[in-house]
């Protein structure tokens, strides 16, 4: 199948990052956006660019900096031959790499909100539709690094998944030093992704799994370590990502393993700690594990 070839192409470019690749593919077929987080030099930009190249989608990169303005992202109107003419910004591509998104100011980060939610931008009161499919892949350095701005909570909630890029395993690291990864070949198309998205949406989900999703969201709202619970949008993202993983595995229904596998990338960036919990060093991932143990069977 085309997406299996796509997966193989990405694995041949980014060694030892199979889980990150699968999560990105599951996000893409589920119609979501992905936030890649990791230290510099781990291949975040390479993964985004290679995905666009191998999937045959148009690609634009936006390097986020503190002086970047919203119009630099969405586009603006220019005076030409006696009238105003809209000049599209780099958002007008099927895959948009928002590189180091947390180095821009919150005002510029927020310029992506309408694009990510509606698939369109509004400039001077005029709405412009973006290409389809439309996928934002943002990269982010860990928030404690100097010169970064935390993403607004509303912005974070628009990302279906947060993919944590870790250093490669020992064997993959050695391979990286011994050989140069090849350029990815085009093995898929926009039509392939559209077909995958339609098939992923048809994956069956048992009522017990839906109950577990709602129970976890309610438990998160009652957890004193969190400022508020997981939103309905968060549960929809979790379910969609679980469907994406099930589709990638060739299953007609979501299993408990799919829900567990998709929980961290879909939910951990939606768990906002209270000041007391943050000061005490509580990790959102630990809270998520507690919630999963209470809401789902072993």
C-alpha atoms as a PDB file:
ATOM      1  CA  UNK A   1       0.000   0.000   0.000  1.00  0.00           C
ATOM      2  CA  UNK A   2       1.318   3.531  -0.769  1.00  0.00           C
ATOM      3  CA  UNK A   3       1.532   4.657   2.856  1.00  0.00           C
ATOM      4  CA  UNK A   4       3.547   1.583   3.788  1.00  0.00           C
ATOM      5  CA  UNK A   5       6.029   2.635   1.121  1.00  0.00           C
ATOM      6  CA  UNK A   6       5.901   6.149   2.543  1.00  0.00           C
ATOM      7  CA  UNK A   7       6.698   4.794   6.000  1.00  0.00           C
ATOM      8  CA  UNK A   8       9.679   2.871   4.579  1.00  0.00           C
ATOM      9  CA  UNK A   9      10.981   5.966   2.810  1.00  0.00           C
ATOM     10  CA  UNK A  10      10.861   8.004   6.028  1.00  0.00           C
ATOM     11  CA  UNK A  11      12.527   5.220   8.028  1.00  0.00           C
ATOM     12  CA  UNK A  12      15.362   5.213   5.491  1.00  0.00           C
ATOM     13  CA  UNK A  13      15.878   8.941   6.062  1.00  0.00           C
ATOM     14  CA  UNK A  14      15.441   9.235   9.831  1.00  0.00           C
ATOM     15  CA  UNK A  15      17.102   6.272  11.499  1.00  0.00           C
ATOM     16  CA  UNK A  16      15.684   4.840  14.705  1.00  0.00           C
ATOM     17  CA  UNK A  17      12.588   7.076  14.846  1.00  0.00           C
ATOM     18  CA  UNK A  18       9.900   4.574  13.844  1.00  0.00           C
ATOM     19  CA  UNK A  19       7.459   5.613  16.593  1.00  0.00           C
ATOM     20  CA  UNK A  20       7.716   9.290  15.636  1.00  0.00           C
ATOM     21  CA  UNK A  21       7.188   8.394  11.972  1.00  0.00           C
ATOM     22  CA  UNK A  22       4.121   6.254  12.724  1.00  0.00           C
ATOM     23  CA  UNK A  23       2.637   8.998  14.898  1.00  0.00           C
ATOM     24  CA  UNK A  24       3.135  11.581  12.150  1.00  0.00           C
ATOM     25  CA  UNK A  25       1.489   9.273   9.593  1.00  0.00           C
ATOM     26  CA  UNK A  26      -1.424   8.543  11.956  1.00  0.00           C
ATOM     27  CA  UNK A  27      -1.844  12.296  12.470  1.00  0.00           C
ATOM     28  CA  UNK A  28      -1.785  12.971   8.733  1.00  0.00           C
ATOM     29  CA  UNK A  29      -4.404  10.336   7.857  1.00  0.00           C
ATOM     30  CA  UNK A  30      -6.560  11.621  10.740  1.00  0.00           C
ATOM     31  CA  UNK A  31      -6.587  15.153   9.329  1.00  0.00           C
ATOM     32  CA  UNK A  32      -4.669  16.717  12.216  1.00  0.00           C
ATOM     33  CA  UNK A  33      -1.582  18.828  12.784  1.00  0.00           C
ATOM     34  CA  UNK A  34       1.604  17.732  14.556  1.00  0.00           C
ATOM     35  CA  UNK A  35       3.949  19.438  16.987  1.00  0.00           C
ATOM     36  CA  UNK A  36       7.468  17.978  17.011  1.00  0.00           C
ATOM     37  CA  UNK A  37       9.467  18.673  20.145  1.00  0.00           C
ATOM     38  CA  UNK A  38      13.095  17.861  20.782  1.00  0.00           C
ATOM     39  CA  UNK A  39      16.548  19.299  21.176  1.00  0.00           C
ATOM     40  CA  UNK A  40      18.271  20.790  18.108  1.00  0.00           C
ATOM     41  CA  UNK A  41      19.874  18.322  15.727  1.00  0.00           C
ATOM     42  CA  UNK A  42      17.554  15.339  16.212  1.00  0.00           C
ATOM     43  CA  UNK A  43      15.910  15.507  12.767  1.00  0.00           C
ATOM     44  CA  UNK A  44      12.640  17.366  13.357  1.00  0.00           C
ATOM     45  CA  UNK A  45      12.986  19.524  10.247  1.00  0.00           C
ATOM     46  CA  UNK A  46      14.288  16.573   8.229  1.00  0.00           C
ATOM     47  CA  UNK A  47      11.226  14.505   9.130  1.00  0.00           C
ATOM     48  CA  UNK A  48       8.789  17.242   8.081  1.00  0.00           C
ATOM     49  CA  UNK A  49      10.551  17.988   4.791  1.00  0.00           C
ATOM     50  CA  UNK A  50      10.962  14.304   3.939  1.00  0.00           C
ATOM     51  CA  UNK A  51       7.277  13.621   4.639  1.00  0.00           C
ATOM     52  CA  UNK A  52       6.230  16.313   2.171  1.00  0.00           C
ATOM     53  CA  UNK A  53       8.735  15.156  -0.435  1.00  0.00           C
ATOM     54  CA  UNK A  54       7.803  11.464  -0.217  1.00  0.00           C
ATOM     55  CA  UNK A  55       4.059  12.157  -0.155  1.00  0.00           C
ATOM     56  CA  UNK A  56       4.186  14.415  -3.207  1.00  0.00           C
ATOM     57  CA  UNK A  57       2.613  17.385  -1.415  1.00  0.00           C
ATOM     58  CA  UNK A  58       3.533  21.034  -1.876  1.00  0.00           C
ATOM     59  CA  UNK A  59       5.801  22.279   0.898  1.00  0.00           C
ATOM     60  CA  UNK A  60       6.733  25.607   2.471  1.00  0.00           C
ATOM     61  CA  UNK A  61       8.944  26.328   5.439  1.00  0.00           C
ATOM     62  CA  UNK A  62       8.497  29.256   7.814  1.00  0.00           C
ATOM     63  CA  UNK A  63      11.451  30.016  10.068  1.00  0.00           C
ATOM     64  CA  UNK A  64       9.881  31.529  13.181  1.00  0.00           C
ATOM     65  CA  UNK A  65      11.890  34.352  14.767  1.00  0.00           C
ATOM     66  CA  UNK A  66      11.044  37.038  17.355  1.00  0.00           C
ATOM     67  CA  UNK A  67      10.643  39.696  14.632  1.00  0.00           C
ATOM     68  CA  UNK A  68       8.300  37.631  12.427  1.00  0.00           C
ATOM     69  CA  UNK A  69       4.940  39.357  11.866  1.00  0.00           C
ATOM     70  CA  UNK A  70       1.519  37.711  11.315  1.00  0.00           C
ATOM     71  CA  UNK A  71       1.401  39.062   7.747  1.00  0.00           C
ATOM     72  CA  UNK A  72       4.691  37.271   7.046  1.00  0.00           C
ATOM     73  CA  UNK A  73       2.812  34.023   7.694  1.00  0.00           C
ATOM     74  CA  UNK A  74      -0.667  34.557   6.260  1.00  0.00           C
ATOM     75  CA  UNK A  75       0.102  36.984   3.439  1.00  0.00           C
ATOM     76  CA  UNK A  76      -0.956  40.570   2.853  1.00  0.00           C
ATOM     77  CA  UNK A  77      -2.400  42.954   0.293  1.00  0.00           C
ATOM     78  CA  UNK A  78      -0.089  45.001  -1.912  1.00  0.00           C
ATOM     79  CA  UNK A  79      -0.897  47.954  -4.157  1.00  0.00           C
ATOM     80  CA  UNK A  80      -0.397  46.990  -7.789  1.00  0.00           C
ATOM     81  CA  UNK A  81      -1.580  48.633 -10.993  1.00  0.00           C
ATOM     82  CA  UNK A  82      -4.091  50.863  -9.247  1.00  0.00           C
ATOM     83  CA  UNK A  83      -5.659  48.268  -6.942  1.00  0.00           C
ATOM     84  CA  UNK A  84      -4.937  46.102  -3.920  1.00  0.00           C
ATOM     85  CA  UNK A  85      -3.926  42.548  -4.700  1.00  0.00           C
ATOM     86  CA  UNK A  86      -3.571  39.709  -2.203  1.00  0.00           C
ATOM     87  CA  UNK A  87      -0.122  38.181  -2.044  1.00  0.00           C
ATOM     88  CA  UNK A  88      -0.350  34.748  -0.371  1.00  0.00           C
ATOM     89  CA  UNK A  89       2.039  33.943   2.455  1.00  0.00           C
ATOM     90  CA  UNK A  90       3.886  30.683   3.033  1.00  0.00           C
ATOM     91  CA  UNK A  91       0.795  29.148   4.668  1.00  0.00           C
ATOM     92  CA  UNK A  92      -0.529  28.443   1.177  1.00  0.00           C
ATOM     93  CA  UNK A  93       0.936  24.953   0.833  1.00  0.00           C
ATOM     94  CA  UNK A  94      -0.274  21.452   1.631  1.00  0.00           C
ATOM     95  CA  UNK A  95       2.493  20.839   4.186  1.00  0.00           C
ATOM     96  CA  UNK A  96       3.697  23.846   6.160  1.00  0.00           C
ATOM     97  CA  UNK A  97       6.745  23.509   8.372  1.00  0.00           C
ATOM     98  CA  UNK A  98       6.550  26.043  11.208  1.00  0.00           C
ATOM     99  CA  UNK A  99      10.165  25.725  12.268  1.00  0.00           C
ATOM    100  CA  UNK A 100      11.002  26.642  15.878  1.00  0.00           C
ATOM    101  CA  UNK A 101       7.494  27.973  16.373  1.00  0.00           C
ATOM    102  CA  UNK A 102       8.139  28.904  19.997  1.00  0.00           C
ATOM    103  CA  UNK A 103      10.781  31.460  19.015  1.00  0.00           C
ATOM    104  CA  UNK A 104       8.091  33.779  17.626  1.00  0.00           C
ATOM    105  CA  UNK A 105       5.941  36.028  19.785  1.00  0.00           C
ATOM    106  CA  UNK A 106       2.469  34.808  20.850  1.00  0.00           C
ATOM    107  CA  UNK A 107       0.853  37.291  18.419  1.00  0.00           C
ATOM    108  CA  UNK A 108       2.537  35.655  15.445  1.00  0.00           C
ATOM    109  CA  UNK A 109       1.967  32.145  16.799  1.00  0.00           C
ATOM    110  CA  UNK A 110      -1.736  32.969  16.989  1.00  0.00           C
ATOM    111  CA  UNK A 111      -1.790  33.806  13.284  1.00  0.00           C
ATOM    112  CA  UNK A 112      -1.882  30.058  12.706  1.00  0.00           C
ATOM    113  CA  UNK A 113      -5.055  29.504  14.752  1.00  0.00           C
ATOM    114  CA  UNK A 114      -7.650  30.108  12.037  1.00  0.00           C
ATOM    115  CA  UNK A 115      -5.544  28.285   9.443  1.00  0.00           C
ATOM    116  CA  UNK A 116      -5.199  25.180  11.600  1.00  0.00           C
ATOM    117  CA  UNK A 117      -8.834  25.089  12.655  1.00  0.00           C
ATOM    118  CA  UNK A 118     -10.652  26.267   9.527  1.00  0.00           C
ATOM    119  CA  UNK A 119      -8.228  25.550   6.692  1.00  0.00           C
ATOM    120  CA  UNK A 120      -8.436  29.199   5.685  1.00  0.00           C
ATOM    121  CA  UNK A 121      -7.045  32.634   6.541  1.00  0.00           C
ATOM    122  CA  UNK A 122      -8.777  35.999   6.714  1.00  0.00           C
ATOM    123  CA  UNK A 123      -6.834  39.061   5.564  1.00  0.00           C
ATOM    124  CA  UNK A 124      -8.454  42.493   5.719  1.00  0.00           C
ATOM    125  CA  UNK A 125     -11.882  40.884   6.060  1.00  0.00           C
ATOM    126  CA  UNK A 126     -11.520  38.564   3.053  1.00  0.00           C
ATOM    127  CA  UNK A 127     -11.379  34.803   3.613  1.00  0.00           C
ATOM    128  CA  UNK A 128      -8.938  32.737   1.550  1.00  0.00           C
ATOM    129  CA  UNK A 129      -9.128  28.945   1.451  1.00  0.00           C
ATOM    130  CA  UNK A 130      -5.932  26.969   1.909  1.00  0.00           C
ATOM    131  CA  UNK A 131      -4.908  23.956  -0.214  1.00  0.00           C
ATOM    132  CA  UNK A 132      -6.166  20.468   0.622  1.00  0.00           C
ATOM    133  CA  UNK A 133      -4.905  18.482   2.368  1.00  0.00           C
ATOM    134  CA  UNK A 134      -3.482  21.036   4.778  1.00  0.00           C
ATOM    135  CA  UNK A 135      -1.027  19.889   7.439  1.00  0.00           C
ATOM    136  CA  UNK A 136       0.977  22.075   9.794  1.00  0.00           C
ATOM    137  CA  UNK A 137       4.073  20.399  11.186  1.00  0.00           C
ATOM    138  CA  UNK A 138       5.549  22.666  13.829  1.00  0.00           C
ATOM    139  CA  UNK A 139       8.891  22.107  15.513  1.00  0.00           C
ATOM    140  CA  UNK A 140       9.629  23.301  19.011  1.00  0.00           C
ATOM    141  CA  UNK A 141      12.694  23.377  21.198  1.00  0.00           C
ATOM    142  CA  UNK A 142      12.148  22.460  24.850  1.00  0.00           C
ATOM    143  CA  UNK A 143      10.474  25.396  26.547  1.00  0.00           C
ATOM    144  CA  UNK A 144      13.235  25.960  29.068  1.00  0.00           C
ATOM    145  CA  UNK A 145      15.726  26.973  26.372  1.00  0.00           C
ATOM    146  CA  UNK A 146      16.594  30.676  26.269  1.00  0.00           C
ATOM    147  CA  UNK A 147      14.726  32.835  23.778  1.00  0.00           C
ATOM    148  CA  UNK A 148      11.548  30.768  23.562  1.00  0.00           C
ATOM    149  CA  UNK A 149       7.910  31.659  24.232  1.00  0.00           C
ATOM    150  CA  UNK A 150       5.386  29.140  25.562  1.00  0.00           C
ATOM    151  CA  UNK A 151       2.673  28.427  22.997  1.00  0.00           C
ATOM    152  CA  UNK A 152      -0.750  29.821  23.956  1.00  0.00           C
ATOM    153  CA  UNK A 153      -3.042  27.127  25.304  1.00  0.00           C
ATOM    154  CA  UNK A 154      -5.527  27.667  22.466  1.00  0.00           C
ATOM    155  CA  UNK A 155      -2.700  27.140  19.977  1.00  0.00           C
ATOM    156  CA  UNK A 156      -1.463  23.955  21.655  1.00  0.00           C
ATOM    157  CA  UNK A 157      -4.984  22.526  21.616  1.00  0.00           C
ATOM    158  CA  UNK A 158      -5.080  22.772  17.799  1.00  0.00           C
ATOM    159  CA  UNK A 159      -2.306  20.208  17.454  1.00  0.00           C
ATOM    160  CA  UNK A 160      -3.721  16.699  17.259  1.00  0.00           C
ATOM    161  CA  UNK A 161      -0.422  15.224  18.391  1.00  0.00           C
ATOM    162  CA  UNK A 162       2.761  16.249  20.124  1.00  0.00           C
ATOM    163  CA  UNK A 163       5.598  14.016  18.958  1.00  0.00           C
ATOM    164  CA  UNK A 164       8.609  13.905  21.231  1.00  0.00           C
ATOM    165  CA  UNK A 165      11.788  13.319  19.227  1.00  0.00           C
ATOM    166  CA  UNK A 166      14.360  11.480  21.323  1.00  0.00           C
ATOM    167  CA  UNK A 167      18.029  10.758  20.516  1.00  0.00           C
ATOM    168  CA  UNK A 168      18.272   7.675  18.269  1.00  0.00           C
ATOM    169  CA  UNK A 169      19.127   4.253  19.694  1.00  0.00           C
ATOM    170  CA  UNK A 170      22.791   3.249  19.781  1.00  0.00           C
ATOM    171  CA  UNK A 171      22.653   1.128  16.618  1.00  0.00           C
ATOM    172  CA  UNK A 172      20.823   3.832  14.646  1.00  0.00           C
ATOM    173  CA  UNK A 173      23.318   6.451  15.824  1.00  0.00           C
ATOM    174  CA  UNK A 174      26.217   4.310  14.614  1.00  0.00           C
ATOM    175  CA  UNK A 175      24.475   3.813  11.276  1.00  0.00           C
ATOM    176  CA  UNK A 176      24.047   7.566  10.947  1.00  0.00           C
ATOM    177  CA  UNK A 177      27.802   8.021  11.310  1.00  0.00           C
ATOM    178  CA  UNK A 178      28.624   5.240   8.861  1.00  0.00           C
ATOM    179  CA  UNK A 179      26.328   6.192   5.975  1.00  0.00           C
ATOM    180  CA  UNK A 180      24.430   9.155   4.622  1.00  0.00           C
ATOM    181  CA  UNK A 181      20.639   8.812   4.388  1.00  0.00           C
ATOM    182  CA  UNK A 182      19.310   8.855   0.821  1.00  0.00           C
ATOM    183  CA  UNK A 183      16.873  11.457  -0.438  1.00  0.00           C
ATOM    184  CA  UNK A 184      13.312  10.147  -0.095  1.00  0.00           C
ATOM    185  CA  UNK A 185      11.494   9.152  -3.262  1.00  0.00           C
ATOM    186  CA  UNK A 186       7.903  10.107  -3.941  1.00  0.00           C
ATOM    187  CA  UNK A 187       5.780   7.082  -3.080  1.00  0.00           C
ATOM    188  CA  UNK A 188       2.354   8.595  -2.324  1.00  0.00           C
ATOM    189  CA  UNK A 189       0.055  11.411  -3.361  1.00  0.00           C
ATOM    190  CA  UNK A 190      -2.673  13.677  -2.050  1.00  0.00           C
ATOM    191  CA  UNK A 191      -5.239  11.163  -3.333  1.00  0.00           C
ATOM    192  CA  UNK A 192      -3.577   8.381  -1.345  1.00  0.00           C
ATOM    193  CA  UNK A 193      -3.768  10.458   1.825  1.00  0.00           C
ATOM    194  CA  UNK A 194      -7.410  11.330   1.121  1.00  0.00           C
ATOM    195  CA  UNK A 195      -8.263   7.645   0.652  1.00  0.00           C
ATOM    196  CA  UNK A 196      -6.404   6.774   3.853  1.00  0.00           C
ATOM    197  CA  UNK A 197      -8.259   9.510   5.734  1.00  0.00           C
ATOM    198  CA  UNK A 198     -11.615   8.195   4.546  1.00  0.00           C
ATOM    199  CA  UNK A 199     -10.698   4.626   5.522  1.00  0.00           C
ATOM    200  CA  UNK A 200      -9.366   5.728   8.904  1.00  0.00           C
ATOM    201  CA  UNK A 201     -12.644   7.498   9.662  1.00  0.00           C
ATOM    202  CA  UNK A 202     -14.514   4.215   9.116  1.00  0.00           C
ATOM    203  CA  UNK A 203     -12.499   2.288  11.734  1.00  0.00           C
ATOM    204  CA  UNK A 204     -14.950   0.897  14.299  1.00  0.00           C
ATOM    205  CA  UNK A 205     -14.747   1.794  17.978  1.00  0.00           C
ATOM    206  CA  UNK A 206     -16.440  -0.211  20.733  1.00  0.00           C
ATOM    207  CA  UNK A 207     -18.791   1.570  23.121  1.00  0.00           C
ATOM    208  CA  UNK A 208     -16.580   0.515  26.037  1.00  0.00           C
ATOM    209  CA  UNK A 209     -13.658   2.379  24.465  1.00  0.00           C
ATOM    210  CA  UNK A 210     -15.777   5.504  24.032  1.00  0.00           C
ATOM    211  CA  UNK A 211     -16.825   5.253  27.688  1.00  0.00           C
ATOM    212  CA  UNK A 212     -13.165   5.036  28.721  1.00  0.00           C
ATOM    213  CA  UNK A 213     -12.332   8.174  26.728  1.00  0.00           C
ATOM    214  CA  UNK A 214     -15.115  10.166  28.383  1.00  0.00           C
ATOM    215  CA  UNK A 215     -14.258   8.795  31.830  1.00  0.00           C
ATOM    216  CA  UNK A 216     -10.638   9.852  31.473  1.00  0.00           C
ATOM    217  CA  UNK A 217     -11.693  13.357  30.422  1.00  0.00           C
ATOM    218  CA  UNK A 218     -13.990  13.644  33.476  1.00  0.00           C
ATOM    219  CA  UNK A 219     -11.269  12.351  35.778  1.00  0.00           C
ATOM    220  CA  UNK A 220      -8.854  14.945  34.406  1.00  0.00           C
ATOM    221  CA  UNK A 221     -11.345  17.704  35.250  1.00  0.00           C
ATOM    222  CA  UNK A 222     -11.434  16.457  38.856  1.00  0.00           C
ATOM    223  CA  UNK A 223      -7.653  16.126  39.234  1.00  0.00           C
ATOM    224  CA  UNK A 224      -6.380  18.839  41.577  1.00  0.00           C
ATOM    225  CA  UNK A 225      -2.995  18.902  39.857  1.00  0.00           C
ATOM    226  CA  UNK A 226      -4.532  20.258  36.647  1.00  0.00           C
ATOM    227  CA  UNK A 227      -5.963  23.714  35.993  1.00  0.00           C
ATOM    228  CA  UNK A 228      -8.729  22.214  33.879  1.00  0.00           C
ATOM    229  CA  UNK A 229      -9.592  18.925  32.265  1.00  0.00           C
ATOM    230  CA  UNK A 230      -9.250  17.605  28.750  1.00  0.00           C
ATOM    231  CA  UNK A 231     -11.671  19.309  26.371  1.00  0.00           C
ATOM    232  CA  UNK A 232     -14.085  17.621  23.949  1.00  0.00           C
ATOM    233  CA  UNK A 233     -11.672  18.607  21.170  1.00  0.00           C
ATOM    234  CA  UNK A 234      -8.937  16.740  23.026  1.00  0.00           C
ATOM    235  CA  UNK A 235     -11.017  13.566  23.230  1.00  0.00           C
ATOM    236  CA  UNK A 236     -11.872  13.834  19.538  1.00  0.00           C
ATOM    237  CA  UNK A 237      -8.161  14.140  18.722  1.00  0.00           C
ATOM    238  CA  UNK A 238      -7.382  11.099  20.886  1.00  0.00           C
ATOM    239  CA  UNK A 239     -10.040   9.005  19.162  1.00  0.00           C
ATOM    240  CA  UNK A 240      -8.978  10.126  15.681  1.00  0.00           C
ATOM    241  CA  UNK A 241      -5.329   9.338  16.400  1.00  0.00           C
ATOM    242  CA  UNK A 242      -6.251   5.902  17.789  1.00  0.00           C
ATOM    243  CA  UNK A 243      -8.173   5.240  14.568  1.00  0.00           C
ATOM    244  CA  UNK A 244      -5.105   6.315  12.597  1.00  0.00           C
ATOM    245  CA  UNK A 245      -2.884   3.847  14.461  1.00  0.00           C
ATOM    246  CA  UNK A 246      -5.442   1.056  13.957  1.00  0.00           C
ATOM    247  CA  UNK A 247      -5.577   1.827  10.227  1.00  0.00           C
ATOM    248  CA  UNK A 248      -1.783   1.780   9.946  1.00  0.00           C
ATOM    249  CA  UNK A 249      -1.813  -1.645  11.632  1.00  0.00           C
ATOM    250  CA  UNK A 250      -4.401  -2.917   9.150  1.00  0.00           C
ATOM    251  CA  UNK A 251      -7.127  -3.462  11.749  1.00  0.00           C
ATOM    252  CA  UNK A 252     -10.843  -2.720  11.147  1.00  0.00           C
ATOM    253  CA  UNK A 253     -11.402  -1.658  14.755  1.00  0.00           C
ATOM    254  CA  UNK A 254      -9.640   0.243  17.542  1.00  0.00           C
ATOM    255  CA  UNK A 255      -8.063  -1.919  20.225  1.00  0.00           C
ATOM    256  CA  UNK A 256      -7.092  -0.905  23.755  1.00  0.00           C
ATOM    257  CA  UNK A 257      -3.461  -0.930  22.587  1.00  0.00           C
ATOM    258  CA  UNK A 258      -4.290   1.770  20.007  1.00  0.00           C
ATOM    259  CA  UNK A 259      -5.856   3.964  22.687  1.00  0.00           C
ATOM    260  CA  UNK A 260      -2.852   3.561  24.967  1.00  0.00           C
ATOM    261  CA  UNK A 261      -0.365   4.160  22.161  1.00  0.00           C
ATOM    262  CA  UNK A 262      -2.131   7.320  21.036  1.00  0.00           C
ATOM    263  CA  UNK A 263      -2.831   8.704  24.537  1.00  0.00           C
ATOM    264  CA  UNK A 264       0.517  10.393  25.159  1.00  0.00           C
ATOM    265  CA  UNK A 265       0.917  12.166  21.783  1.00  0.00           C
ATOM    266  CA  UNK A 266      -2.762  13.174  21.790  1.00  0.00           C
ATOM    267  CA  UNK A 267      -3.190  14.256  25.417  1.00  0.00           C
ATOM    268  CA  UNK A 268      -0.011  15.073  27.315  1.00  0.00           C
ATOM    269  CA  UNK A 269       0.322  18.559  25.766  1.00  0.00           C
ATOM    270  CA  UNK A 270      -3.276  19.260  26.829  1.00  0.00           C
ATOM    271  CA  UNK A 271      -2.588  18.703  30.537  1.00  0.00           C
ATOM    272  CA  UNK A 272      -1.896  22.107  32.069  1.00  0.00           C
ATOM    273  CA  UNK A 273      -0.494  21.959  35.586  1.00  0.00           C
ATOM    274  CA  UNK A 274      -1.475  24.175  38.495  1.00  0.00           C
ATOM    275  CA  UNK A 275       1.293  26.391  39.840  1.00  0.00           C
ATOM    276  CA  UNK A 276       1.584  24.164  42.906  1.00  0.00           C
ATOM    277  CA  UNK A 277       1.985  20.997  40.810  1.00  0.00           C
ATOM    278  CA  UNK A 278       4.539  22.632  38.530  1.00  0.00           C
ATOM    279  CA  UNK A 279       6.527  23.901  41.533  1.00  0.00           C
ATOM    280  CA  UNK A 280       6.470  20.391  43.007  1.00  0.00           C
ATOM    281  CA  UNK A 281       7.985  18.982  39.828  1.00  0.00           C
ATOM    282  CA  UNK A 282       4.944  16.954  38.758  1.00  0.00           C
ATOM    283  CA  UNK A 283       5.203  15.657  35.190  1.00  0.00           C
ATOM    284  CA  UNK A 284       2.112  15.741  32.932  1.00  0.00           C
ATOM    285  CA  UNK A 285       3.079  12.289  31.676  1.00  0.00           C
ATOM    286  CA  UNK A 286       2.829  10.875  35.191  1.00  0.00           C
ATOM    287  CA  UNK A 287      -0.641  12.366  35.594  1.00  0.00           C
ATOM    288  CA  UNK A 288      -1.680  10.849  32.271  1.00  0.00           C
ATOM    289  CA  UNK A 289      -0.485   7.432  33.397  1.00  0.00           C
ATOM    290  CA  UNK A 290      -2.569   7.770  36.564  1.00  0.00           C
ATOM    291  CA  UNK A 291      -5.638   8.740  34.560  1.00  0.00           C
ATOM    292  CA  UNK A 292      -5.176   5.860  32.125  1.00  0.00           C
ATOM    293  CA  UNK A 293      -4.888   3.326  34.963  1.00  0.00           C
ATOM    294  CA  UNK A 294      -8.197   4.531  36.395  1.00  0.00           C
ATOM    295  CA  UNK A 295     -10.148   4.896  33.137  1.00  0.00           C
ATOM    296  CA  UNK A 296      -9.014   1.854  31.160  1.00  0.00           C
ATOM    297  CA  UNK A 297      -8.687  -1.882  31.868  1.00  0.00           C
ATOM    298  CA  UNK A 298      -5.227  -3.354  32.356  1.00  0.00           C
END
